[in-house]
Amino acid sequence: MLARRRWVVPAALFATTGALGIASQAAAGFDTERPRPDHIQYALDAETGRAQWLSAGTAPDDWTEQFFAQGYTADRLAFSPSYYFGQSIDVVTAPAPSIELAPPEIELVEERIEAGVRTVTMRLTSPRGAPTAHLDLDLPSDLIAADVEGQDLLVPESQALRELPITAYNLGEEGLRITVSTRGAGPITGTLTDYSNGLPPVPGMTIRPRPADHMPAPYDFRDPTSVQTSVRI
């Protein structure tokens, strides 16, 4: 992340980072001075209305088990947008109550086609005020140029890039302005997810606080809420 900038363009243009994951749930020796790290996330698909609880690890612990009282499914997912971008780690998931939360948005600001190159300017915002968002764009043809908030991104000429991931921080009310140029006039599609710290209020559910010998895992967010939607420009 560049100084005084609010965005990151990770793996597709640069290099992926390593993933750590949570230590085995069977590990011993946790106490109030060395608390056990755990993780819980509320993830909502705004288009289907389906929500799920997601916890990093191979099984719930004695605090996260309250979210998996009806059982869970073990899986491997890449769910963290920056520190462990693109790296799949062990997770457990279960259905969660659907809560109405405003999804992030992409607004078309300007579009032009010159000499077979389509240039699209869009603005990314989070109506619910989430500070962070991750945008995964699938391009219809080779990426020619791109900039974020007026700063050009390095596009390797030797690579025919068809994907553009962007992680935005400190969105604020004005959001983030993104310009992308591609060959041809096909639609730009993808997914957009915003992230905020803390779980939403769940009607009819009282969440027990963590005991003193537990702590939030050192991932991007602390017990985050995420809302995902699709993109088509």
C-alpha atoms as a PDB file:
ATOM      1  CA  MET A   1       0.000   0.000   0.000  1.00  0.00           C
ATOM      2  CA  LEU A   2       1.377   3.345  -1.002  1.00  0.00           C
ATOM      3  CA  ALA A   3       1.689   6.176   1.513  1.00  0.00           C
ATOM      4  CA  ARG A   4      -1.361   8.437   1.621  1.00  0.00           C
ATOM      5  CA  ARG A   5      -3.129   6.224  -0.931  1.00  0.00           C
ATOM      6  CA  ARG A   6      -6.373   4.436  -0.254  1.00  0.00           C
ATOM      7  CA  TRP A   7      -5.978   1.440  -2.530  1.00  0.00           C
ATOM      8  CA  VAL A   8      -3.992  -1.650  -3.301  1.00  0.00           C
ATOM      9  CA  VAL A   9      -3.700  -3.600  -6.558  1.00  0.00           C
ATOM     10  CA  PRO A  10      -2.516  -7.008  -5.400  1.00  0.00           C
ATOM     11  CA  ALA A  11      -1.728 -10.373  -6.991  1.00  0.00           C
ATOM     12  CA  ALA A  12      -2.734  -9.996 -10.640  1.00  0.00           C
ATOM     13  CA  LEU A  13      -0.293  -7.170 -11.309  1.00  0.00           C
ATOM     14  CA  PHE A  14       2.307  -7.861  -8.684  1.00  0.00           C
ATOM     15  CA  ALA A  15       2.996 -10.846  -6.420  1.00  0.00           C
ATOM     16  CA  THR A  16       0.860 -12.859  -4.079  1.00  0.00           C
ATOM     17  CA  THR A  17       1.618 -12.962  -0.393  1.00  0.00           C
ATOM     18  CA  GLY A  18       1.896 -16.003   1.820  1.00  0.00           C
ATOM     19  CA  ALA A  19      -0.907 -17.323   3.970  1.00  0.00           C
ATOM     20  CA  LEU A  20      -0.604 -18.276   7.592  1.00  0.00           C
ATOM     21  CA  GLY A  21      -3.965 -19.541   8.833  1.00  0.00           C
ATOM     22  CA  ILE A  22      -4.929 -20.307  12.396  1.00  0.00           C
ATOM     23  CA  ALA A  23      -2.929 -22.895  14.315  1.00  0.00           C
ATOM     24  CA  SER A  24      -4.408 -26.309  14.881  1.00  0.00           C
ATOM     25  CA  GLN A  25      -7.385 -26.319  17.194  1.00  0.00           C
ATOM     26  CA  ALA A  26      -5.715 -29.116  19.103  1.00  0.00           C
ATOM     27  CA  ALA A  27      -2.849 -26.878  20.229  1.00  0.00           C
ATOM     28  CA  ALA A  28      -2.523 -26.519  23.973  1.00  0.00           C
ATOM     29  CA  GLY A  29      -1.160 -23.905  26.323  1.00  0.00           C
ATOM     30  CA  PHE A  30      -3.573 -20.983  25.772  1.00  0.00           C
ATOM     31  CA  ASP A  31      -4.427 -18.786  28.736  1.00  0.00           C
ATOM     32  CA  THR A  32      -5.213 -15.143  29.514  1.00  0.00           C
ATOM     33  CA  GLU A  33      -1.617 -14.135  28.815  1.00  0.00           C
ATOM     34  CA  ARG A  34      -1.432 -16.193  25.609  1.00  0.00           C
ATOM     35  CA  PRO A  35      -5.019 -16.186  24.348  1.00  0.00           C
ATOM     36  CA  ARG A  36      -6.263 -18.551  21.671  1.00  0.00           C
ATOM     37  CA  PRO A  37      -6.873 -16.765  18.328  1.00  0.00           C
ATOM     38  CA  ASP A  38     -10.148 -17.479  16.587  1.00  0.00           C
ATOM     39  CA  HIS A  39     -12.220 -15.917  13.839  1.00  0.00           C
ATOM     40  CA  ILE A  40     -15.848 -15.500  12.837  1.00  0.00           C
ATOM     41  CA  GLN A  41     -17.273 -13.692   9.828  1.00  0.00           C
ATOM     42  CA  TYR A  42     -20.795 -12.873   8.690  1.00  0.00           C
ATOM     43  CA  ALA A  43     -20.868 -13.071   4.893  1.00  0.00           C
ATOM     44  CA  LEU A  44     -23.938 -11.973   2.904  1.00  0.00           C
ATOM     45  CA  ASP A  45     -24.600 -12.462  -0.804  1.00  0.00           C
ATOM     46  CA  ALA A  46     -26.768  -9.418  -1.485  1.00  0.00           C
ATOM     47  CA  GLU A  47     -28.175 -10.842  -4.723  1.00  0.00           C
ATOM     48  CA  THR A  48     -29.390 -14.193  -3.408  1.00  0.00           C
ATOM     49  CA  GLY A  49     -30.033 -13.034   0.151  1.00  0.00           C
ATOM     50  CA  ARG A  50     -28.104 -16.015   1.460  1.00  0.00           C
ATOM     51  CA  ALA A  51     -25.770 -15.525   4.405  1.00  0.00           C
ATOM     52  CA  GLN A  52     -23.253 -17.713   6.155  1.00  0.00           C
ATOM     53  CA  TRP A  53     -21.038 -17.868   9.175  1.00  0.00           C
ATOM     54  CA  LEU A  54     -17.409 -18.464   8.256  1.00  0.00           C
ATOM     55  CA  SER A  55     -14.583 -19.307  10.642  1.00  0.00           C
ATOM     56  CA  ALA A  56     -10.941 -19.937   9.796  1.00  0.00           C
ATOM     57  CA  GLY A  57      -9.681 -23.297  11.003  1.00  0.00           C
ATOM     58  CA  THR A  58     -10.660 -26.948  10.752  1.00  0.00           C
ATOM     59  CA  ALA A  59     -13.312 -26.902  13.495  1.00  0.00           C
ATOM     60  CA  PRO A  60     -15.081 -24.405  15.783  1.00  0.00           C
ATOM     61  CA  ASP A  61     -13.580 -23.746  19.198  1.00  0.00           C
ATOM     62  CA  ASP A  62     -15.465 -23.339  22.458  1.00  0.00           C
ATOM     63  CA  TRP A  63     -16.375 -19.721  21.586  1.00  0.00           C
ATOM     64  CA  THR A  64     -17.108 -19.927  17.847  1.00  0.00           C
ATOM     65  CA  GLU A  65     -19.172 -23.091  18.334  1.00  0.00           C
ATOM     66  CA  GLN A  66     -22.158 -20.885  19.222  1.00  0.00           C
ATOM     67  CA  PHE A  67     -22.408 -19.954  15.531  1.00  0.00           C
ATOM     68  CA  PHE A  68     -22.349 -23.602  14.412  1.00  0.00           C
ATOM     69  CA  ALA A  69     -24.882 -25.125  16.790  1.00  0.00           C
ATOM     70  CA  GLN A  70     -26.617 -26.884  13.872  1.00  0.00           C
ATOM     71  CA  GLY A  71     -23.399 -28.262  12.427  1.00  0.00           C
ATOM     72  CA  TYR A  72     -20.870 -27.009   9.913  1.00  0.00           C
ATOM     73  CA  THR A  73     -19.179 -27.783   6.602  1.00  0.00           C
ATOM     74  CA  ALA A  74     -15.395 -27.933   6.273  1.00  0.00           C
ATOM     75  CA  ASP A  75     -13.934 -26.246   3.186  1.00  0.00           C
ATOM     76  CA  ARG A  76     -10.951 -24.324   1.832  1.00  0.00           C
ATOM     77  CA  LEU A  77     -11.583 -20.753   0.715  1.00  0.00           C
ATOM     78  CA  ALA A  78      -9.717 -17.593  -0.219  1.00  0.00           C
ATOM     79  CA  PHE A  79     -11.749 -15.101   1.775  1.00  0.00           C
ATOM     80  CA  SER A  80      -9.279 -12.456   2.898  1.00  0.00           C
ATOM     81  CA  PRO A  81      -8.664  -9.615   0.440  1.00  0.00           C
ATOM     82  CA  SER A  82      -5.161  -8.397   1.132  1.00  0.00           C
ATOM     83  CA  TYR A  83      -2.763  -9.973   3.607  1.00  0.00           C
ATOM     84  CA  TYR A  84      -3.528 -13.482   2.348  1.00  0.00           C
ATOM     85  CA  PHE A  85      -4.857 -12.507  -1.071  1.00  0.00           C
ATOM     86  CA  GLY A  86      -5.712 -15.466  -3.270  1.00  0.00           C
ATOM     87  CA  GLN A  87      -4.507 -18.027  -0.718  1.00  0.00           C
ATOM     88  CA  SER A  88      -6.992 -20.731   0.228  1.00  0.00           C
ATOM     89  CA  ILE A  89      -7.068 -21.718   3.895  1.00  0.00           C
ATOM     90  CA  ASP A  90      -9.121 -24.142   5.981  1.00  0.00           C
ATOM     91  CA  VAL A  91     -12.518 -22.800   7.029  1.00  0.00           C
ATOM     92  CA  VAL A  92     -15.784 -24.030   8.460  1.00  0.00           C
ATOM     93  CA  THR A  93     -19.103 -22.585   7.306  1.00  0.00           C
ATOM     94  CA  ALA A  94     -22.776 -22.779   8.213  1.00  0.00           C
ATOM     95  CA  PRO A  95     -25.941 -20.952   7.125  1.00  0.00           C
ATOM     96  CA  ALA A  96     -26.597 -17.664   8.942  1.00  0.00           C
ATOM     97  CA  PRO A  97     -29.767 -15.585   9.245  1.00  0.00           C
ATOM     98  CA  SER A  98     -30.240 -13.235   6.306  1.00  0.00           C
ATOM     99  CA  ILE A  99     -30.055  -9.579   7.321  1.00  0.00           C
ATOM    100  CA  GLU A 100     -30.834  -6.687   4.983  1.00  0.00           C
ATOM    101  CA  LEU A 101     -27.574  -4.827   4.399  1.00  0.00           C
ATOM    102  CA  ALA A 102     -26.887  -2.383   1.559  1.00  0.00           C
ATOM    103  CA  PRO A 103     -24.360  -3.859  -0.907  1.00  0.00           C
ATOM    104  CA  PRO A 104     -21.370  -1.962  -2.305  1.00  0.00           C
ATOM    105  CA  GLU A 105     -21.923  -0.206  -5.619  1.00  0.00           C
ATOM    106  CA  ILE A 106     -20.122   0.503  -8.891  1.00  0.00           C
ATOM    107  CA  GLU A 107     -21.404   3.564 -10.763  1.00  0.00           C
ATOM    108  CA  LEU A 108     -20.532   4.171 -14.430  1.00  0.00           C
ATOM    109  CA  VAL A 109     -19.137   7.705 -14.638  1.00  0.00           C
ATOM    110  CA  GLU A 110     -17.866   7.861 -18.223  1.00  0.00           C
ATOM    111  CA  GLU A 111     -17.382   5.573 -21.216  1.00  0.00           C
ATOM    112  CA  ARG A 112     -15.696   6.068 -24.584  1.00  0.00           C
ATOM    113  CA  ILE A 113     -14.424   3.926 -27.473  1.00  0.00           C
ATOM    114  CA  GLU A 114     -11.526   5.106 -29.592  1.00  0.00           C
ATOM    115  CA  ALA A 115      -9.613   3.040 -32.172  1.00  0.00           C
ATOM    116  CA  GLY A 116     -11.017  -0.191 -30.799  1.00  0.00           C
ATOM    117  CA  VAL A 117     -10.117   0.592 -27.183  1.00  0.00           C
ATOM    118  CA  ARG A 118     -12.924   0.897 -24.640  1.00  0.00           C
ATOM    119  CA  THR A 119     -12.199   3.161 -21.672  1.00  0.00           C
ATOM    120  CA  VAL A 120     -14.542   3.037 -18.715  1.00  0.00           C
ATOM    121  CA  THR A 121     -14.453   5.261 -15.639  1.00  0.00           C
ATOM    122  CA  MET A 122     -16.383   4.059 -12.598  1.00  0.00           C
ATOM    123  CA  ARG A 123     -16.806   4.973  -8.960  1.00  0.00           C
ATOM    124  CA  LEU A 124     -16.786   2.395  -6.177  1.00  0.00           C
ATOM    125  CA  THR A 125     -18.742   3.221  -3.017  1.00  0.00           C
ATOM    126  CA  SER A 126     -20.121   1.502   0.071  1.00  0.00           C
ATOM    127  CA  PRO A 127     -23.594   2.850   0.937  1.00  0.00           C
ATOM    128  CA  ARG A 128     -23.456   1.090   4.312  1.00  0.00           C
ATOM    129  CA  GLY A 129     -20.214   2.897   5.154  1.00  0.00           C
ATOM    130  CA  ALA A 130     -17.829  -0.052   5.111  1.00  0.00           C
ATOM    131  CA  PRO A 131     -14.234   1.241   5.085  1.00  0.00           C
ATOM    132  CA  THR A 132     -12.777  -1.465   2.835  1.00  0.00           C
ATOM    133  CA  ALA A 133     -13.850  -3.089  -0.427  1.00  0.00           C
ATOM    134  CA  HIS A 134     -12.398  -5.647  -2.797  1.00  0.00           C
ATOM    135  CA  LEU A 135     -13.187  -5.539  -6.506  1.00  0.00           C
ATOM    136  CA  ASP A 136     -12.421  -8.469  -8.826  1.00  0.00           C
ATOM    137  CA  LEU A 137     -12.880  -7.478 -12.468  1.00  0.00           C
ATOM    138  CA  ASP A 138     -13.026 -10.001 -15.313  1.00  0.00           C
ATOM    139  CA  LEU A 139     -12.063  -8.216 -18.513  1.00  0.00           C
ATOM    140  CA  PRO A 140     -13.454  -9.127 -21.954  1.00  0.00           C
ATOM    141  CA  SER A 141     -10.052  -8.642 -23.593  1.00  0.00           C
ATOM    142  CA  ASP A 142      -6.492  -7.531 -22.859  1.00  0.00           C
ATOM    143  CA  LEU A 143      -5.971  -4.790 -20.306  1.00  0.00           C
ATOM    144  CA  ILE A 144      -4.379  -1.772 -22.009  1.00  0.00           C
ATOM    145  CA  ALA A 145      -4.247   0.720 -19.143  1.00  0.00           C
ATOM    146  CA  ALA A 146      -5.768   1.420 -15.742  1.00  0.00           C
ATOM    147  CA  ASP A 147      -5.598   4.076 -13.083  1.00  0.00           C
ATOM    148  CA  VAL A 148      -6.969   4.533  -9.589  1.00  0.00           C
ATOM    149  CA  GLU A 149      -7.656   8.044  -8.343  1.00  0.00           C
ATOM    150  CA  GLY A 150      -5.592   9.426 -11.244  1.00  0.00           C
ATOM    151  CA  GLN A 151      -2.490   7.333 -10.618  1.00  0.00           C
ATOM    152  CA  ASP A 152      -1.524   5.022 -13.476  1.00  0.00           C
ATOM    153  CA  LEU A 153      -1.051   1.344 -12.723  1.00  0.00           C
ATOM    154  CA  LEU A 154       1.832  -0.590 -14.189  1.00  0.00           C
ATOM    155  CA  VAL A 155       0.448  -2.959 -16.844  1.00  0.00           C
ATOM    156  CA  PRO A 156       3.112  -5.444 -18.034  1.00  0.00           C
ATOM    157  CA  GLU A 157       3.186  -5.404 -21.837  1.00  0.00           C
ATOM    158  CA  SER A 158       4.312  -9.029 -21.950  1.00  0.00           C
ATOM    159  CA  GLN A 159       1.166 -10.279 -20.210  1.00  0.00           C
ATOM    160  CA  ALA A 160      -2.324 -10.491 -21.650  1.00  0.00           C
ATOM    161  CA  LEU A 161      -4.107  -9.590 -18.435  1.00  0.00           C
ATOM    162  CA  ARG A 162      -7.800 -10.428 -18.283  1.00  0.00           C
ATOM    163  CA  GLU A 163      -8.297  -9.919 -14.537  1.00  0.00           C
ATOM    164  CA  LEU A 164      -7.890  -6.848 -12.355  1.00  0.00           C
ATOM    165  CA  PRO A 165      -8.220  -7.116  -8.553  1.00  0.00           C
ATOM    166  CA  ILE A 166      -8.299  -3.912  -6.521  1.00  0.00           C
ATOM    167  CA  THR A 167      -8.533  -3.587  -2.749  1.00  0.00           C
ATOM    168  CA  ALA A 168      -9.648  -0.164  -1.525  1.00  0.00           C
ATOM    169  CA  TYR A 169      -9.116   1.199   1.991  1.00  0.00           C
ATOM    170  CA  ASN A 170     -10.653   4.193   3.764  1.00  0.00           C
ATOM    171  CA  LEU A 171     -13.329   4.576   1.112  1.00  0.00           C
ATOM    172  CA  GLY A 172     -15.153   7.480   2.714  1.00  0.00           C
ATOM    173  CA  GLU A 173     -18.336   8.955   1.269  1.00  0.00           C
ATOM    174  CA  GLU A 174     -16.774   9.819  -2.099  1.00  0.00           C
ATOM    175  CA  GLY A 175     -15.528   6.289  -2.726  1.00  0.00           C
ATOM    176  CA  LEU A 176     -12.857   5.389  -5.252  1.00  0.00           C
ATOM    177  CA  ARG A 177     -12.547   6.452  -8.902  1.00  0.00           C
ATOM    178  CA  ILE A 178     -11.243   3.725 -11.244  1.00  0.00           C
ATOM    179  CA  THR A 179     -10.514   3.904 -14.989  1.00  0.00           C
ATOM    180  CA  VAL A 180      -9.904   0.798 -17.102  1.00  0.00           C
ATOM    181  CA  SER A 181      -9.052   0.535 -20.817  1.00  0.00           C
ATOM    182  CA  THR A 182      -9.452  -2.730 -22.739  1.00  0.00           C
ATOM    183  CA  ARG A 183      -9.408  -3.812 -26.357  1.00  0.00           C
ATOM    184  CA  GLY A 184     -12.886  -4.377 -27.771  1.00  0.00           C
ATOM    185  CA  ALA A 185     -16.278  -3.436 -26.439  1.00  0.00           C
ATOM    186  CA  GLY A 186     -17.358  -6.467 -24.398  1.00  0.00           C
ATOM    187  CA  PRO A 187     -18.796  -6.067 -20.897  1.00  0.00           C
ATOM    188  CA  ILE A 188     -16.603  -5.904 -17.813  1.00  0.00           C
ATOM    189  CA  THR A 189     -17.929  -8.269 -15.150  1.00  0.00           C
ATOM    190  CA  GLY A 190     -16.849  -9.452 -11.739  1.00  0.00           C
ATOM    191  CA  THR A 191     -17.627  -9.311  -8.042  1.00  0.00           C
ATOM    192  CA  LEU A 192     -17.502  -6.541  -5.447  1.00  0.00           C
ATOM    193  CA  THR A 193     -17.348  -7.121  -1.695  1.00  0.00           C
ATOM    194  CA  ASP A 194     -17.136  -4.623   1.132  1.00  0.00           C
ATOM    195  CA  TYR A 195     -15.841  -5.347   4.632  1.00  0.00           C
ATOM    196  CA  SER A 196     -16.386  -3.808   8.044  1.00  0.00           C
ATOM    197  CA  ASN A 197     -15.222  -4.785  11.507  1.00  0.00           C
ATOM    198  CA  GLY A 198     -17.778  -6.316  13.824  1.00  0.00           C
ATOM    199  CA  LEU A 199     -20.764  -8.604  13.383  1.00  0.00           C
ATOM    200  CA  PRO A 200     -24.213  -7.162  12.616  1.00  0.00           C
ATOM    201  CA  PRO A 201     -27.035  -7.413  15.135  1.00  0.00           C
ATOM    202  CA  VAL A 202     -28.800 -10.731  14.504  1.00  0.00           C
ATOM    203  CA  PRO A 203     -32.490 -10.770  15.512  1.00  0.00           C
ATOM    204  CA  GLY A 204     -33.161 -13.415  18.139  1.00  0.00           C
ATOM    205  CA  MET A 205     -29.494 -14.184  18.744  1.00  0.00           C
ATOM    206  CA  THR A 206     -27.418 -13.136  21.731  1.00  0.00           C
ATOM    207  CA  ILE A 207     -23.713 -13.521  20.997  1.00  0.00           C
ATOM    208  CA  ARG A 208     -21.634 -14.491  24.001  1.00  0.00           C
ATOM    209  CA  PRO A 209     -18.503 -12.318  24.407  1.00  0.00           C
ATOM    210  CA  ARG A 210     -15.097 -13.953  24.040  1.00  0.00           C
ATOM    211  CA  PRO A 211     -13.637 -15.289  27.274  1.00  0.00           C
ATOM    212  CA  ALA A 212     -10.401 -13.752  28.503  1.00  0.00           C
ATOM    213  CA  ASP A 213      -8.290 -16.605  27.128  1.00  0.00           C
ATOM    214  CA  HIS A 214      -9.483 -15.999  23.542  1.00  0.00           C
ATOM    215  CA  MET A 215      -8.659 -13.218  21.063  1.00  0.00           C
ATOM    216  CA  PRO A 216      -9.586 -12.264  17.489  1.00  0.00           C
ATOM    217  CA  ALA A 217      -7.203 -13.815  14.974  1.00  0.00           C
ATOM    218  CA  PRO A 218      -4.780 -11.330  13.366  1.00  0.00           C
ATOM    219  CA  TYR A 219      -6.459 -11.265   9.960  1.00  0.00           C
ATOM    220  CA  ASP A 220      -7.434  -8.193   7.957  1.00  0.00           C
ATOM    221  CA  PHE A 221     -10.557  -7.611  10.041  1.00  0.00           C
ATOM    222  CA  ARG A 222     -11.882  -8.321  13.489  1.00  0.00           C
ATOM    223  CA  ASP A 223     -15.030 -10.491  13.315  1.00  0.00           C
ATOM    224  CA  PRO A 224     -15.990  -8.872  10.013  1.00  0.00           C
ATOM    225  CA  THR A 225     -19.211  -8.382   8.143  1.00  0.00           C
ATOM    226  CA  SER A 226     -18.917  -8.727   4.378  1.00  0.00           C
ATOM    227  CA  VAL A 227     -21.482  -8.032   1.679  1.00  0.00           C
ATOM    228  CA  GLN A 228     -20.946  -9.233  -1.888  1.00  0.00           C
ATOM    229  CA  THR A 229     -22.625  -8.362  -5.170  1.00  0.00           C
ATOM    230  CA  SER A 230     -21.902  -8.859  -8.869  1.00  0.00           C
ATOM    231  CA  VAL A 231     -20.564  -6.272 -11.293  1.00  0.00           C
ATOM    232  CA  ARG A 232     -21.429  -5.695 -14.957  1.00  0.00           C
ATOM    233  CA  ILE A 233     -20.258  -2.544 -16.757  1.00  0.00           C
END
